[in-house]
Structures are given as structure tokens and as C-alpha cells.
Amino acid sequence: MGSIWKTLEEAAESSKNWIIAHQSNPLLWIGLFLGGLLIFSLVYNALQKEK
């Protein structure tokens, strides 16, 4: 269990450092925004099918 947690922490730290290094790139923010919209849309549609 500790090994999994350590791996997740390392991946999160690596991702955070990459985002900080590329924070001035507008394509990064556009991609993150569109990815968030995609996830929202998929979840929203999945929840609406239960009606």
C-alpha cells in the first residue's frame, strides 16, 4: 500500500513541476479546460441516462 501511495505522490509532483514549467503556454490551459469540459459532459450524460 505504501508503494502505491509513494508512486502516486511522485507522479503528482512530476505533473505539478511540468505544469509550473509550462504555465505560460496558452495551449496547456486550453487543453486542460477542454479536458475538464469533456469529463463534465461524460459524467453529466451518464447521470442523465438514469432518468
N, C-alpha and C. Protein backbone atom coordinates (compact mmCIF):
# COMPACT_ATOMS: atom_id res chain seq x y z
N MET A 1 0.83 -1.19 0.00
CA MET A 1 0.00 0.00 0.00
C MET A 1 0.87 1.25 0.00
N GLY A 2 1.93 1.24 0.77
CA GLY A 2 2.83 2.39 0.83
C GLY A 2 3.51 2.65 -0.50
N SER A 3 3.81 1.58 -1.22
CA SER A 3 4.47 1.71 -2.51
C SER A 3 3.55 2.42 -3.52
N ILE A 4 2.27 2.08 -3.49
CA ILE A 4 1.31 2.72 -4.39
C ILE A 4 1.20 4.20 -4.06
N TRP A 5 1.10 4.51 -2.78
CA TRP A 5 0.98 5.91 -2.35
C TRP A 5 2.21 6.71 -2.75
N LYS A 6 3.39 6.11 -2.59
CA LYS A 6 4.64 6.80 -2.95
C LYS A 6 4.69 7.05 -4.45
N THR A 7 4.26 6.08 -5.24
CA THR A 7 4.23 6.23 -6.69
C THR A 7 3.27 7.34 -7.10
N LEU A 8 2.11 7.41 -6.48
CA LEU A 8 1.14 8.47 -6.78
C LEU A 8 1.69 9.84 -6.40
N GLU A 9 2.36 9.92 -5.27
CA GLU A 9 2.95 11.20 -4.85
C GLU A 9 4.02 11.65 -5.84
N GLU A 10 4.85 10.72 -6.29
CA GLU A 10 5.90 11.06 -7.26
C GLU A 10 5.29 11.51 -8.58
N ALA A 11 4.24 10.84 -9.04
CA ALA A 11 3.59 11.22 -10.29
C ALA A 11 2.94 12.60 -10.16
N ALA A 12 2.30 12.87 -9.02
CA ALA A 12 1.67 14.17 -8.81
C ALA A 12 2.72 15.28 -8.76
N GLU A 13 3.83 15.03 -8.11
CA GLU A 13 4.90 16.03 -8.02
C GLU A 13 5.50 16.30 -9.41
N SER A 14 5.70 15.24 -10.18
CA SER A 14 6.21 15.39 -11.54
C SER A 14 5.25 16.19 -12.40
N SER A 15 3.97 15.89 -12.31
CA SER A 15 2.96 16.62 -13.07
C SER A 15 2.90 18.09 -12.65
N LYS A 16 2.97 18.34 -11.36
CA LYS A 16 2.93 19.71 -10.85
C LYS A 16 4.13 20.51 -11.37
N ASN A 17 5.31 19.91 -11.33
CA ASN A 17 6.51 20.59 -11.82
C ASN A 17 6.42 20.87 -13.32
N TRP A 18 5.85 19.93 -14.08
CA TRP A 18 5.70 20.12 -15.52
C TRP A 18 4.74 21.27 -15.80
N ILE A 19 3.62 21.33 -15.08
CA ILE A 19 2.65 22.41 -15.28
C ILE A 19 3.26 23.76 -14.90
N ILE A 20 4.01 23.80 -13.81
CA ILE A 20 4.66 25.06 -13.41
C ILE A 20 5.66 25.50 -14.47
N ALA A 21 6.40 24.57 -15.03
CA ALA A 21 7.40 24.92 -16.05
C ALA A 21 6.75 25.42 -17.34
N HIS A 22 5.53 24.98 -17.62
CA HIS A 22 4.86 25.34 -18.87
C HIS A 22 3.62 26.22 -18.65
N GLN A 23 3.57 26.91 -17.53
CA GLN A 23 2.36 27.66 -17.19
C GLN A 23 2.08 28.83 -18.12
N SER A 24 3.06 29.30 -18.86
CA SER A 24 2.84 30.41 -19.78
C SER A 24 2.33 29.96 -21.15
N ASN A 25 2.19 28.67 -21.36
CA ASN A 25 1.73 28.13 -22.64
C ASN A 25 0.20 28.13 -22.66
N PRO A 26 -0.41 28.95 -23.52
CA PRO A 26 -1.88 29.00 -23.55
C PRO A 26 -2.52 27.69 -24.02
N LEU A 27 -1.80 26.92 -24.83
CA LEU A 27 -2.36 25.64 -25.28
C LEU A 27 -2.55 24.67 -24.12
N LEU A 28 -1.69 24.75 -23.12
CA LEU A 28 -1.84 23.92 -21.93
C LEU A 28 -3.17 24.21 -21.25
N TRP A 29 -3.46 25.50 -21.05
CA TRP A 29 -4.69 25.89 -20.35
C TRP A 29 -5.93 25.60 -21.18
N ILE A 30 -5.83 25.79 -22.49
CA ILE A 30 -6.95 25.45 -23.37
C ILE A 30 -7.21 23.94 -23.31
N GLY A 31 -6.14 23.15 -23.35
CA GLY A 31 -6.28 21.69 -23.28
C GLY A 31 -6.86 21.23 -21.96
N LEU A 32 -6.41 21.82 -20.85
CA LEU A 32 -6.95 21.46 -19.54
C LEU A 32 -8.43 21.84 -19.44
N PHE A 33 -8.77 23.01 -19.97
CA PHE A 33 -10.17 23.45 -19.94
C PHE A 33 -11.05 22.53 -20.77
N LEU A 34 -10.61 22.20 -21.98
CA LEU A 34 -11.39 21.30 -22.83
C LEU A 34 -11.48 19.90 -22.24
N GLY A 35 -10.40 19.43 -21.62
CA GLY A 35 -10.44 18.13 -20.95
C GLY A 35 -11.44 18.12 -19.80
N GLY A 36 -11.48 19.21 -19.05
CA GLY A 36 -12.46 19.34 -17.96
C GLY A 36 -13.88 19.35 -18.49
N LEU A 37 -14.10 20.07 -19.60
CA LEU A 37 -15.44 20.08 -20.21
C LEU A 37 -15.85 18.69 -20.69
N LEU A 38 -14.89 17.97 -21.26
CA LEU A 38 -15.17 16.62 -21.74
C LEU A 38 -15.57 15.70 -20.58
N ILE A 39 -14.82 15.75 -19.50
CA ILE A 39 -15.13 14.92 -18.33
C ILE A 39 -16.50 15.31 -17.77
N PHE A 40 -16.77 16.62 -17.65
CA PHE A 40 -18.07 17.08 -17.16
C PHE A 40 -19.19 16.55 -18.04
N SER A 41 -19.01 16.66 -19.35
CA SER A 41 -20.04 16.22 -20.28
C SER A 41 -20.29 14.71 -20.17
N LEU A 42 -19.23 13.93 -20.08
CA LEU A 42 -19.39 12.48 -19.96
C LEU A 42 -20.12 12.10 -18.68
N VAL A 43 -19.74 12.73 -17.58
CA VAL A 43 -20.38 12.43 -16.30
C VAL A 43 -21.84 12.88 -16.32
N TYR A 44 -22.09 14.07 -16.84
CA TYR A 44 -23.45 14.60 -16.89
C TYR A 44 -24.36 13.69 -17.72
N ASN A 45 -23.87 13.27 -18.89
CA ASN A 45 -24.67 12.38 -19.74
C ASN A 45 -24.91 11.03 -19.07
N ALA A 46 -23.92 10.51 -18.38
CA ALA A 46 -24.09 9.23 -17.70
C ALA A 46 -25.13 9.33 -16.59
N LEU A 47 -25.14 10.45 -15.89
CA LEU A 47 -26.12 10.63 -14.82
C LEU A 47 -27.52 10.90 -15.36
N GLN A 48 -27.64 11.51 -16.51
CA GLN A 48 -28.95 11.80 -17.10
C GLN A 48 -29.62 10.56 -17.65
N LYS A 49 -28.87 9.53 -17.98
CA LYS A 49 -29.45 8.30 -18.52
C LYS A 49 -30.26 7.54 -17.48
N GLU A 50 -30.08 7.86 -16.21
CA GLU A 50 -30.82 7.17 -15.17
C GLU A 50 -32.25 7.68 -15.01
N LYS A 51 -32.56 8.82 -15.63
CA LYS A 51 -33.92 9.39 -15.51
C LYS A 51 -34.92 8.55 -16.24
